[in-house]
Amino acid sequence: MKSIGARLALWYALAATLTFASLSIAGYFMLHRYLVHDLDLLNEAEFQQIKAHLGPDHEALSAVVIEERIRETTEYASVLFYIDVHGKGMGTVFRSTNLRGQTIPDVPHERRFHAELPETGVLRVGEFILPPYDVMVATPLHPVSTVMEAYLELCAALMAVMLAVSAGLGFWLSRMALRPLRMIQATANRISSDNLSERIPVADVQDEISNVARLLNQTFDRLESSFNQIRRFTADASHELKTPLSLIRLHAEQLLMEDKLSAHQEEALQVQLEEIDRLNTIIEDLLFLSRAEAGVIRLDLPLQSPAAFLHTLEQDARVLVEHAGLRCSCTHEGEGEIPFDAKWIRQVLLNLVTNSLAASSAGGLITIRSAVSTSRWTVSVEDQGTGVPDDQRDQIFERFVRLGKSDQAADKGTGLGLAICRSIVELHGGRIYAALASSGQGLRVIFELPATTTLREGPLDSQSDGPSSGHGEAPLKRSGRGEITPALR
């Protein structure tokens, strides 16, 4: 069982049932002992009655008189008592008629014992000395056996009821006891890199669960501090790097304009300028991600028609795909308006198309599908490449993760494109994920935007600078050597 509550309920039910079973067993032996003891008292009471009827001169009585007196005393109780009187050297003096001529066996050195007679059953026998006679008074044990059987049946029924009731009660108690843990779990699930300020509510008590909640809150405090430091460092470092890179670029361009360098030196400077552009792209992407994760970007989302937006985007996507020697298919279904920022979603789609180009072989098909329903707008970009293993699909949306081909084009990427796509989609209140292509080969990246505005909290910043223009505003990029290449991420 994976549930602690279910295990606690089971343990409670088993413990309660085993306790009840142990008490029932102990009660069985105690009840049996008390019932047998009551039979011994009955036998003794019958003996005292016989002794009183025989009188103090019983030693002088003849066997006939003894039989008459005892029979007068015991005739009415012949169903309950079995009596056998005998003396040393005199044989049997009296035997009750219910014995049918049988003799109650004697067990040496025992005054109270069990004896079994044919056709009579088990008897509880009491041996009493009335010199010169031995008086054997017996009572049948059948009523005791009947009572004990009924006791066992009752205990078995009560044990079944006990198991069911204790299981239900244990489940209720476990839910009550584990309610603080469920609150901790729910709060901890809500806490993420975008929501590190929330804390687990702690009751004003000093128990184990409250101590665990306090310890987790202290851990979240340290995590929040670490995340804030990393974000500040990323933003500050990215901002500080832009100035020296701009100066390096200006000096390099000035050297090219002076036209005093050899062809080999000019080519080396062109390579340096390309790498400076790549560094600037990474810095802009990091600044955007830092602002998005810090919650300082909020979009102004007007209601727009996805069909009209895709009609405009399809032209740019076809140019990008056909330039890479591939085919493009774009379809849209449904009518309606969705709140979204066209500039940001354009960057997402063009970045997904660019990634699909890097993963596709010559002549492959890039498929863009769009569907609008009453609750959401779903868009997918699908390629026919090698795809991504199931256990790695969630990783591709992390920073600096680049899976798949490692050729020259892919090596130019920064591994930030899909992380930026995820931030943009989440800023719209949607979600993005990867799946196997519908053809069974390749990768399909899907994002969904809600039909209603569900923005993340943060200051209003609709004019915030986005990631580098290569993510969508300028999907084609000319290198220093005159080649046109996709702006991969």
Protein backbone atom coordinates (compact mmCIF):
# COMPACT_ATOMS: atom_id res chain seq x y z
CA MET A 1 0.00 0.00 0.00
CA LYS A 2 1.38 3.38 -1.03
CA SER A 3 -0.91 5.36 1.28
CA ILE A 4 0.28 5.88 4.84
CA GLY A 5 -3.32 6.48 5.89
CA ALA A 6 -4.38 3.10 4.50
CA ARG A 7 -1.49 1.38 6.26
CA LEU A 8 -2.31 3.12 9.54
CA ALA A 9 -5.97 2.12 9.20
CA LEU A 10 -4.97 -1.49 8.47
CA TRP A 11 -2.55 -1.60 11.39
CA TYR A 12 -5.16 -0.09 13.69
CA ALA A 13 -7.79 -2.60 12.55
CA LEU A 14 -5.40 -5.54 12.96
CA ALA A 15 -4.24 -4.34 16.37
CA ALA A 16 -7.80 -3.82 17.59
CA THR A 17 -8.96 -7.16 16.17
CA LEU A 18 -5.99 -9.07 17.60
CA THR A 19 -6.55 -7.43 20.97
CA PHE A 20 -10.21 -8.41 20.88
CA ALA A 21 -9.27 -11.95 19.79
CA SER A 22 -6.77 -12.27 22.66
CA LEU A 23 -9.35 -11.06 25.16
CA SER A 24 -11.92 -13.43 23.68
CA ILE A 25 -9.58 -16.40 24.05
CA ALA A 26 -8.78 -15.41 27.61
CA GLY A 27 -12.51 -14.97 28.27
CA TYR A 28 -13.19 -18.40 26.80
CA PHE A 29 -10.93 -20.16 29.27
CA MET A 30 -12.11 -18.04 32.18
CA LEU A 31 -15.79 -18.63 31.35
CA HIS A 32 -15.21 -22.37 30.94
CA ARG A 33 -13.44 -22.48 34.27
CA TYR A 34 -16.22 -20.59 36.04
CA LEU A 35 -18.93 -22.81 34.52
CA VAL A 36 -17.12 -25.97 35.57
CA HIS A 37 -16.61 -24.47 38.99
CA ASP A 38 -20.35 -23.85 39.21
CA LEU A 39 -20.93 -27.52 38.36
CA ASP A 40 -18.62 -28.48 41.22
CA LEU A 41 -20.67 -26.30 43.54
CA LEU A 42 -23.86 -27.97 42.32
CA ASN A 43 -22.37 -31.40 42.95
CA GLU A 44 -21.32 -30.35 46.44
CA ALA A 45 -24.75 -28.92 47.18
CA GLU A 46 -26.36 -32.20 46.09
CA PHE A 47 -23.97 -34.12 48.32
CA GLN A 48 -24.83 -31.91 51.29
CA GLN A 49 -28.51 -32.59 50.66
CA ILE A 50 -27.89 -36.34 50.52
CA LYS A 51 -25.84 -36.14 53.69
CA ALA A 52 -28.62 -34.27 55.47
CA HIS A 53 -31.24 -36.86 54.44
CA LEU A 54 -29.09 -39.76 55.60
CA GLY A 55 -28.74 -38.13 59.00
CA PRO A 56 -25.96 -38.47 61.53
CA ASP A 57 -26.55 -42.19 62.01
CA HIS A 58 -25.83 -43.09 58.37
CA GLU A 59 -23.18 -45.58 59.43
CA ALA A 60 -25.80 -47.75 61.13
CA LEU A 61 -28.25 -47.65 58.22
CA SER A 62 -28.75 -50.63 56.03
CA ALA A 63 -28.23 -50.51 52.30
CA VAL A 64 -31.98 -50.65 51.70
CA VAL A 65 -32.64 -47.66 53.96
CA ILE A 66 -29.79 -45.70 52.42
CA GLU A 67 -31.15 -46.35 48.93
CA GLU A 68 -34.67 -45.31 49.96
CA ARG A 69 -33.49 -42.07 51.56
CA ILE A 70 -31.16 -41.14 48.72
CA ARG A 71 -33.77 -41.97 46.09
CA GLU A 72 -36.33 -39.84 47.87
CA THR A 73 -33.80 -37.01 47.78
CA THR A 74 -32.52 -37.37 44.23
CA GLU A 75 -35.46 -38.73 42.27
CA TYR A 76 -36.62 -35.27 41.24
CA ALA A 77 -33.10 -34.36 40.13
CA SER A 78 -32.34 -37.51 38.15
CA VAL A 79 -32.03 -35.48 34.95
CA LEU A 80 -29.37 -33.24 36.47
CA PHE A 81 -27.34 -35.49 38.77
CA TYR A 82 -25.78 -38.92 38.44
CA ILE A 83 -25.12 -40.51 41.87
CA ASP A 84 -23.05 -43.55 42.76
CA VAL A 85 -22.51 -44.56 46.44
CA HIS A 86 -20.17 -47.39 47.30
CA GLY A 87 -18.09 -48.45 50.25
CA LYS A 88 -14.99 -50.44 50.81
CA GLY A 89 -15.85 -54.13 51.05
CA MET A 90 -19.55 -53.34 50.56
CA GLY A 91 -19.64 -52.68 46.84
CA THR A 92 -22.22 -50.37 45.38
CA VAL A 93 -24.78 -49.20 47.91
CA PHE A 94 -26.71 -46.84 45.61
CA ARG A 95 -26.73 -46.09 41.90
CA SER A 96 -29.12 -43.61 40.29
CA THR A 97 -31.36 -45.04 37.59
CA ASN A 98 -30.06 -42.61 34.93
CA LEU A 99 -26.70 -44.40 35.08
CA ARG A 100 -28.39 -47.45 33.48
CA GLY A 101 -26.34 -49.83 35.56
CA GLN A 102 -23.04 -48.17 34.80
CA THR A 103 -20.51 -47.19 37.43
CA ILE A 104 -18.95 -43.77 37.54
CA PRO A 105 -15.21 -44.37 37.16
CA ASP A 106 -12.92 -43.26 39.94
CA VAL A 107 -9.71 -41.32 39.31
CA PRO A 108 -7.18 -41.90 42.06
CA HIS A 109 -6.08 -38.88 44.06
CA GLU A 110 -8.64 -36.63 42.33
CA ARG A 111 -11.75 -35.21 43.96
CA ARG A 112 -13.06 -33.28 40.94
CA PHE A 113 -12.53 -34.61 37.43
CA HIS A 114 -14.13 -35.38 34.07
CA ALA A 115 -15.41 -38.83 33.22
CA GLU A 116 -17.03 -40.15 30.08
CA LEU A 117 -19.73 -42.83 30.09
CA PRO A 118 -21.09 -44.60 27.03
CA GLU A 119 -24.50 -43.29 25.91
CA THR A 120 -24.27 -40.66 28.62
CA GLY A 121 -21.44 -38.44 27.56
CA VAL A 122 -18.89 -36.45 29.51
CA LEU A 123 -19.68 -35.80 33.17
CA ARG A 124 -18.22 -33.50 35.75
CA VAL A 125 -17.66 -35.69 38.76
CA GLY A 126 -17.23 -34.73 42.38
CA GLU A 127 -16.06 -37.38 44.88
CA PHE A 128 -17.09 -36.85 48.50
CA ILE A 129 -16.17 -38.93 51.56
CA LEU A 130 -19.01 -39.93 53.91
CA PRO A 131 -17.36 -42.66 56.01
CA PRO A 132 -17.61 -45.48 55.38
CA TYR A 133 -18.95 -44.53 51.93
CA ASP A 134 -17.61 -42.76 48.86
CA VAL A 135 -20.30 -40.62 47.30
CA MET A 136 -19.83 -39.85 43.58
CA VAL A 137 -22.03 -36.99 42.34
CA ALA A 138 -21.78 -36.12 38.62
CA THR A 139 -23.37 -33.50 36.40
CA PRO A 140 -23.38 -33.57 32.56
CA LEU A 141 -20.95 -31.20 30.79
CA HIS A 142 -23.14 -30.87 27.71
CA PRO A 143 -24.71 -27.55 28.82
CA VAL A 144 -21.24 -26.11 29.35
CA SER A 145 -20.17 -27.22 25.88
CA THR A 146 -23.31 -25.67 24.41
CA VAL A 147 -22.62 -22.38 26.16
CA MET A 148 -18.97 -22.37 25.01
CA GLU A 149 -19.95 -23.06 21.40
CA ALA A 150 -22.41 -20.18 21.49
CA TYR A 151 -19.67 -18.05 23.04
CA LEU A 152 -17.29 -18.90 20.17
CA GLU A 153 -19.91 -18.12 17.54
CA LEU A 154 -20.67 -14.81 19.20
CA CYS A 155 -16.96 -13.93 19.43
CA ALA A 156 -16.42 -14.79 15.75
CA ALA A 157 -19.31 -12.55 14.72
CA LEU A 158 -18.13 -9.75 16.98
CA MET A 159 -14.58 -10.14 15.62
CA ALA A 160 -15.82 -9.64 12.05
CA VAL A 161 -17.79 -6.58 13.14
CA MET A 162 -14.75 -5.38 15.09
CA LEU A 163 -12.52 -5.70 12.03
CA ALA A 164 -14.92 -3.72 9.83
CA VAL A 165 -15.64 -1.03 12.42
CA SER A 166 -11.99 -0.66 13.44
CA ALA A 167 -10.94 -0.41 9.77
CA GLY A 168 -13.45 2.37 9.16
CA LEU A 169 -12.58 4.10 12.41
CA GLY A 170 -8.88 3.70 11.72
CA PHE A 171 -9.27 5.23 8.25
CA TRP A 172 -11.14 8.20 9.73
CA LEU A 173 -8.57 8.65 12.49
CA SER A 174 -5.68 8.38 10.03
CA ARG A 175 -7.23 11.05 7.82
CA MET A 176 -7.65 13.29 10.83
CA ALA A 177 -4.09 12.64 11.97
CA LEU A 178 -2.60 13.09 8.49
CA ARG A 179 -4.58 16.20 7.60
CA PRO A 180 -1.63 18.48 8.50
CA LEU A 181 0.61 16.36 6.25
CA ARG A 182 -1.83 16.77 3.36
CA MET A 183 -1.80 20.52 3.92
CA ILE A 184 2.01 20.42 3.87
CA GLN A 185 1.95 18.40 0.65
CA ALA A 186 -0.53 20.73 -1.05
CA THR A 187 1.43 23.83 -0.06
CA ALA A 188 4.76 22.29 -1.04
CA ASN A 189 3.33 21.37 -4.46
CA ARG A 190 2.28 24.97 -5.02
CA ILE A 191 5.73 26.30 -4.14
CA SER A 192 7.97 26.52 -7.19
CA SER A 193 10.64 28.79 -8.62
CA ASP A 194 7.83 31.19 -9.59
CA ASN A 195 6.18 31.07 -6.16
CA LEU A 196 8.82 30.82 -3.47
CA SER A 197 7.18 33.28 -1.09
CA GLU A 198 4.34 30.98 0.02
CA ARG A 199 4.85 29.07 3.28
CA ILE A 200 3.25 26.13 5.01
CA PRO A 201 0.79 27.14 7.76
CA VAL A 202 2.05 25.94 11.14
CA ALA A 203 -0.20 25.30 14.13
CA ASP A 204 0.78 26.82 17.45
CA VAL A 205 1.75 23.47 18.94
CA GLN A 206 4.98 21.58 19.48
CA ASP A 207 4.42 18.22 17.86
CA GLU A 208 6.33 16.24 15.22
CA ILE A 209 4.27 17.44 12.26
CA SER A 210 4.53 21.10 13.25
CA ASN A 211 8.29 20.70 13.66
CA VAL A 212 8.51 19.21 10.16
CA ALA A 213 6.47 22.12 8.76
CA ARG A 214 8.77 24.63 10.48
CA LEU A 215 11.82 22.83 9.10
CA LEU A 216 10.37 22.88 5.57
CA ASN A 217 9.58 26.59 5.88
CA GLN A 218 13.18 27.25 6.89
CA THR A 219 14.31 25.25 3.85
CA PHE A 220 12.02 27.27 1.59
CA ASP A 221 13.44 30.47 3.10
CA ARG A 222 16.94 29.36 2.15
CA LEU A 223 15.78 28.31 -1.32
CA GLU A 224 14.04 31.63 -1.91
CA SER A 225 17.16 33.49 -0.85
CA SER A 226 19.33 31.36 -3.15
CA PHE A 227 16.98 31.78 -6.12
CA ASN A 228 16.85 35.54 -5.61
CA GLN A 229 20.62 35.71 -5.48
CA ILE A 230 20.92 33.67 -8.68
CA ARG A 231 18.36 35.82 -10.45
CA ARG A 232 20.06 39.02 -9.36
CA PHE A 233 23.41 37.66 -10.43
CA THR A 234 22.07 36.58 -13.84
CA ALA A 235 20.42 39.92 -14.46
CA ASP A 236 23.36 41.98 -13.19
CA ALA A 237 25.97 39.92 -15.00
CA SER A 238 23.98 39.99 -18.24
CA HIS A 239 23.51 43.73 -18.00
CA GLU A 240 27.16 44.41 -17.17
CA LEU A 241 28.39 42.26 -20.06
CA LYS A 242 26.50 44.23 -22.70
CA THR A 243 28.70 47.32 -22.45
CA PRO A 244 32.12 45.65 -22.91
CA LEU A 245 30.74 43.51 -25.73
CA SER A 246 29.44 46.63 -27.47
CA LEU A 247 32.87 48.24 -27.16
CA ILE A 248 34.57 45.15 -28.57
CA ARG A 249 32.17 45.14 -31.50
CA LEU A 250 32.77 48.84 -32.21
CA HIS A 251 36.53 48.38 -32.24
CA ALA A 252 36.27 45.36 -34.51
CA GLU A 253 33.98 47.16 -36.94
CA GLN A 254 36.32 50.17 -36.90
CA LEU A 255 39.22 47.93 -37.89
CA LEU A 256 37.17 46.55 -40.78
CA MET A 257 36.24 50.03 -41.96
CA GLU A 258 39.91 51.15 -42.06
CA ASP A 259 40.54 48.43 -44.70
CA LYS A 260 44.14 47.90 -43.53
CA LEU A 261 43.81 44.19 -42.70
CA SER A 262 44.66 41.17 -44.77
CA ALA A 263 41.94 38.85 -45.99
CA HIS A 264 42.79 36.32 -43.29
CA GLN A 265 42.56 38.98 -40.57
CA GLU A 266 39.23 40.27 -41.91
CA GLU A 267 37.80 36.77 -41.85
CA ALA A 268 38.98 36.35 -38.27
CA LEU A 269 37.28 39.62 -37.30
CA GLN A 270 34.05 38.47 -39.02
CA VAL A 271 34.10 35.32 -36.89
CA GLN A 272 34.63 37.43 -33.77
CA LEU A 273 31.66 39.63 -34.71
CA GLU A 274 29.49 36.54 -35.16
CA GLU A 275 30.47 35.26 -31.73
CA ILE A 276 29.79 38.69 -30.22
CA ASP A 277 26.32 38.61 -31.78
CA ARG A 278 25.82 35.14 -30.29
CA LEU A 279 26.90 36.36 -26.85
CA ASN A 280 24.54 39.33 -27.12
CA THR A 281 21.72 36.92 -28.00
CA ILE A 282 22.46 34.79 -24.94
CA ILE A 283 22.59 37.86 -22.71
CA GLU A 284 19.25 39.16 -24.00
CA ASP A 285 17.69 35.72 -23.54
CA LEU A 286 18.98 35.46 -19.98
CA LEU A 287 17.71 38.93 -19.16
CA PHE A 288 14.28 38.00 -20.50
CA LEU A 289 14.16 34.75 -18.51
CA SER A 290 15.25 36.52 -15.34
CA ARG A 291 12.52 39.13 -15.76
CA ALA A 292 9.91 36.49 -16.55
CA GLU A 293 10.81 34.32 -13.55
CA ALA A 294 10.93 37.37 -11.29
CA GLY A 295 7.34 38.17 -12.30
CA VAL A 296 8.09 41.68 -13.56
CA ILE A 297 6.52 41.08 -16.98
CA ARG A 298 2.79 41.26 -17.48
CA LEU A 299 1.20 41.25 -20.88
CA ASP A 300 -1.70 43.21 -22.30
CA LEU A 301 -3.77 40.49 -23.97
CA PRO A 302 -6.46 41.72 -26.34
CA LEU A 303 -9.00 39.30 -27.78
CA GLN A 304 -7.82 38.26 -31.24
CA SER A 305 -8.67 35.75 -33.91
CA PRO A 306 -6.13 32.90 -34.05
CA ALA A 307 -7.15 32.20 -37.65
CA ALA A 308 -6.12 35.69 -38.83
CA PHE A 309 -2.91 35.51 -36.80
CA LEU A 310 -1.93 32.14 -38.32
CA HIS A 311 -2.70 33.34 -41.83
CA THR A 312 -0.08 36.06 -41.40
CA LEU A 313 2.40 33.78 -39.63
CA GLU A 314 2.09 31.02 -42.23
CA GLN A 315 3.78 33.17 -44.89
CA ASP A 316 6.88 33.71 -42.76
CA ALA A 317 6.96 30.08 -41.66
CA ARG A 318 6.81 28.84 -45.27
CA VAL A 319 9.70 31.11 -46.26
CA LEU A 320 11.75 29.81 -43.36
CA VAL A 321 10.92 26.15 -44.02
CA GLU A 322 11.28 26.22 -47.81
CA HIS A 323 14.59 28.07 -47.51
CA ALA A 324 15.88 25.06 -45.52
CA GLY A 325 14.74 22.66 -48.26
CA LEU A 326 11.74 21.29 -46.35
CA ARG A 327 7.98 21.28 -46.79
CA CYS A 328 5.42 23.10 -44.62
CA SER A 329 1.79 22.37 -43.77
CA CYS A 330 -0.37 24.74 -41.72
CA THR A 331 -3.99 24.02 -40.74
CA HIS A 332 -6.51 25.69 -38.45
CA GLU A 333 -9.86 24.53 -37.08
CA GLY A 334 -12.51 26.33 -35.09
CA GLU A 335 -13.66 29.91 -34.75
CA GLY A 336 -13.44 32.30 -31.88
CA GLU A 337 -11.25 34.87 -30.18
CA ILE A 338 -8.47 34.19 -27.68
CA PRO A 339 -6.62 36.70 -25.46
CA PHE A 340 -2.95 36.68 -26.52
CA ASP A 341 -0.09 38.95 -27.49
CA ALA A 342 0.64 38.36 -31.18
CA LYS A 343 4.28 39.46 -30.93
CA TRP A 344 5.13 36.99 -28.17
CA ILE A 345 3.20 34.04 -29.65
CA ARG A 346 4.84 34.77 -33.01
CA GLN A 347 8.22 34.37 -31.31
CA VAL A 348 7.11 31.08 -29.77
CA LEU A 349 5.89 29.61 -33.05
CA LEU A 350 8.87 30.73 -35.12
CA ASN A 351 11.23 29.41 -32.48
CA LEU A 352 9.45 26.02 -32.52
CA VAL A 353 9.61 25.97 -36.32
CA THR A 354 13.33 26.82 -36.21
CA ASN A 355 13.98 23.98 -33.79
CA SER A 356 12.03 21.61 -36.04
CA LEU A 357 14.24 22.63 -38.98
CA ALA A 358 17.34 21.69 -37.05
CA ALA A 359 15.92 18.24 -36.28
CA SER A 360 14.59 17.47 -39.78
CA SER A 361 16.27 15.89 -42.76
CA ALA A 362 16.12 17.30 -46.30
CA GLY A 363 12.67 17.06 -47.80
CA GLY A 364 10.97 16.54 -44.44
CA LEU A 365 7.58 17.97 -43.51
CA ILE A 366 6.98 20.58 -40.81
CA THR A 367 3.34 20.55 -39.71
CA ILE A 368 1.63 23.38 -37.82
CA ARG A 369 -1.81 22.57 -36.46
CA SER A 370 -4.14 24.98 -34.69
CA ALA A 371 -7.52 24.35 -33.09
CA VAL A 372 -9.82 26.69 -31.16
CA SER A 373 -12.41 25.39 -28.72
CA THR A 374 -14.64 27.05 -26.15
CA SER A 375 -12.01 26.62 -23.43
CA ARG A 376 -8.59 26.87 -25.12
CA TRP A 377 -6.47 27.44 -28.17
CA THR A 378 -4.17 24.51 -28.96
CA VAL A 379 -1.21 24.83 -31.35
CA SER A 380 1.31 22.13 -32.25
CA VAL A 381 4.49 22.12 -34.33
CA GLU A 382 5.53 18.69 -35.56
CA ASP A 383 8.61 17.45 -37.42
CA GLN A 384 9.72 14.14 -38.92
CA GLY A 385 13.12 14.01 -37.29
CA THR A 386 14.60 11.49 -34.90
CA GLY A 387 12.45 12.70 -31.99
CA VAL A 388 13.28 12.82 -28.30
CA PRO A 389 13.08 9.86 -25.85
CA ASP A 390 10.12 9.86 -23.47
CA ASP A 391 12.26 10.38 -20.37
CA GLN A 392 13.95 13.46 -21.89
CA ARG A 393 10.96 15.38 -23.23
CA ASP A 394 10.46 17.40 -20.06
CA GLN A 395 14.17 18.32 -20.00
CA ILE A 396 14.13 20.13 -23.35
CA PHE A 397 12.31 23.09 -21.74
CA GLU A 398 15.13 23.65 -19.25
CA ARG A 399 17.89 26.17 -19.82
CA PHE A 400 20.93 25.22 -21.90
CA VAL A 401 19.54 21.77 -22.72
CA ARG A 402 20.18 20.71 -26.32
CA LEU A 403 19.26 17.19 -27.34
CA GLY A 404 19.33 15.44 -30.67
CA LYS A 405 21.70 16.31 -33.50
CA SER A 406 25.05 17.89 -32.76
CA ASP A 407 25.85 19.21 -36.22
CA GLN A 408 27.09 22.70 -36.94
CA ALA A 409 23.66 24.28 -37.11
CA ALA A 410 22.56 22.79 -33.82
CA ASP A 411 25.82 23.78 -32.16
CA LYS A 412 25.00 27.43 -32.86
CA GLY A 413 21.99 27.24 -30.56
CA THR A 414 22.10 28.41 -26.98
CA GLY A 415 19.68 25.92 -25.45
CA LEU A 416 17.48 28.79 -24.24
CA GLY A 417 14.84 28.87 -26.97
CA LEU A 418 12.39 26.36 -25.49
CA ALA A 419 12.92 27.79 -22.00
CA ILE A 420 11.87 31.17 -23.39
CA CYS A 421 8.90 29.57 -25.13
CA ARG A 422 7.78 28.07 -21.85
CA SER A 423 8.10 31.43 -20.07
CA ILE A 424 6.07 33.20 -22.76
CA VAL A 425 3.33 30.57 -22.72
CA GLU A 426 3.18 30.62 -18.93
CA LEU A 427 2.95 34.42 -19.00
CA HIS A 428 -0.21 33.87 -21.05
CA GLY A 429 -1.52 31.46 -18.40
CA GLY A 430 -1.04 28.41 -20.64
CA ARG A 431 1.18 25.36 -20.73
CA ILE A 432 3.62 23.81 -23.19
CA TYR A 433 4.77 20.20 -23.49
CA ALA A 434 6.32 17.74 -25.92
CA ALA A 435 4.98 14.45 -27.27
CA LEU A 436 5.64 11.86 -29.94
CA ALA A 437 4.73 12.99 -33.44
CA SER A 438 1.42 11.71 -34.78
CA SER A 439 3.29 9.79 -37.51
CA GLY A 440 5.17 7.83 -34.84
CA GLN A 441 8.51 9.43 -35.75
CA GLY A 442 9.68 12.87 -34.76
CA LEU A 443 8.73 15.37 -32.08
CA ARG A 444 5.54 17.32 -31.57
CA VAL A 445 5.59 20.40 -29.32
CA ILE A 446 2.16 21.57 -28.16
CA PHE A 447 1.16 24.70 -26.32
CA GLU A 448 -2.29 25.60 -25.03
CA LEU A 449 -3.62 29.05 -24.20
CA PRO A 450 -6.82 29.47 -22.14
CA ALA A 451 -9.85 31.19 -23.60
CA THR A 452 -9.90 33.53 -20.60
CA THR A 453 -7.13 35.72 -19.29
CA THR A 454 -5.18 34.07 -16.45
CA LEU A 455 -2.03 36.14 -16.08
CA ARG A 456 0.71 35.48 -13.58
CA GLU A 457 1.07 38.09 -10.90
CA GLY A 458 3.66 40.78 -11.43
CA PRO A 459 4.03 44.47 -12.24
CA LEU A 460 2.50 45.68 -15.48
CA ASP A 461 5.19 45.70 -18.16
CA SER A 462 3.53 45.19 -21.51
CA GLN A 463 6.29 47.07 -23.32
CA SER A 464 9.08 44.98 -21.82
CA ASP A 465 11.84 44.00 -24.17
CA GLY A 466 11.53 40.40 -25.20
CA PRO A 467 14.22 37.91 -26.01
CA SER A 468 16.55 38.40 -28.90
CA SER A 469 14.94 39.15 -32.19
CA GLY A 470 16.20 35.91 -33.61
CA HIS A 471 13.40 34.11 -31.77
CA GLY A 472 10.83 35.42 -34.15
CA GLU A 473 11.18 39.04 -35.18
CA ALA A 474 14.11 38.21 -37.47
CA PRO A 475 14.02 34.46 -38.00
CA LEU A 476 16.65 34.57 -40.76
CA LYS A 477 20.13 35.81 -39.94
CA ARG A 478 22.99 36.67 -42.30
CA SER A 479 26.43 35.59 -41.14
CA GLY A 480 29.60 37.57 -41.67
CA ARG A 481 30.56 35.26 -44.53
CA GLY A 482 27.36 35.97 -46.45
CA GLU A 483 25.47 32.76 -45.55
CA ILE A 484 21.82 32.79 -44.50
CA THR A 485 21.20 30.46 -41.54
CA PRO A 486 18.27 29.93 -39.16
CA ALA A 487 18.62 31.70 -35.82
CA LEU A 488 18.62 28.52 -33.75
CA ARG A 489 18.19 28.36 -30.04
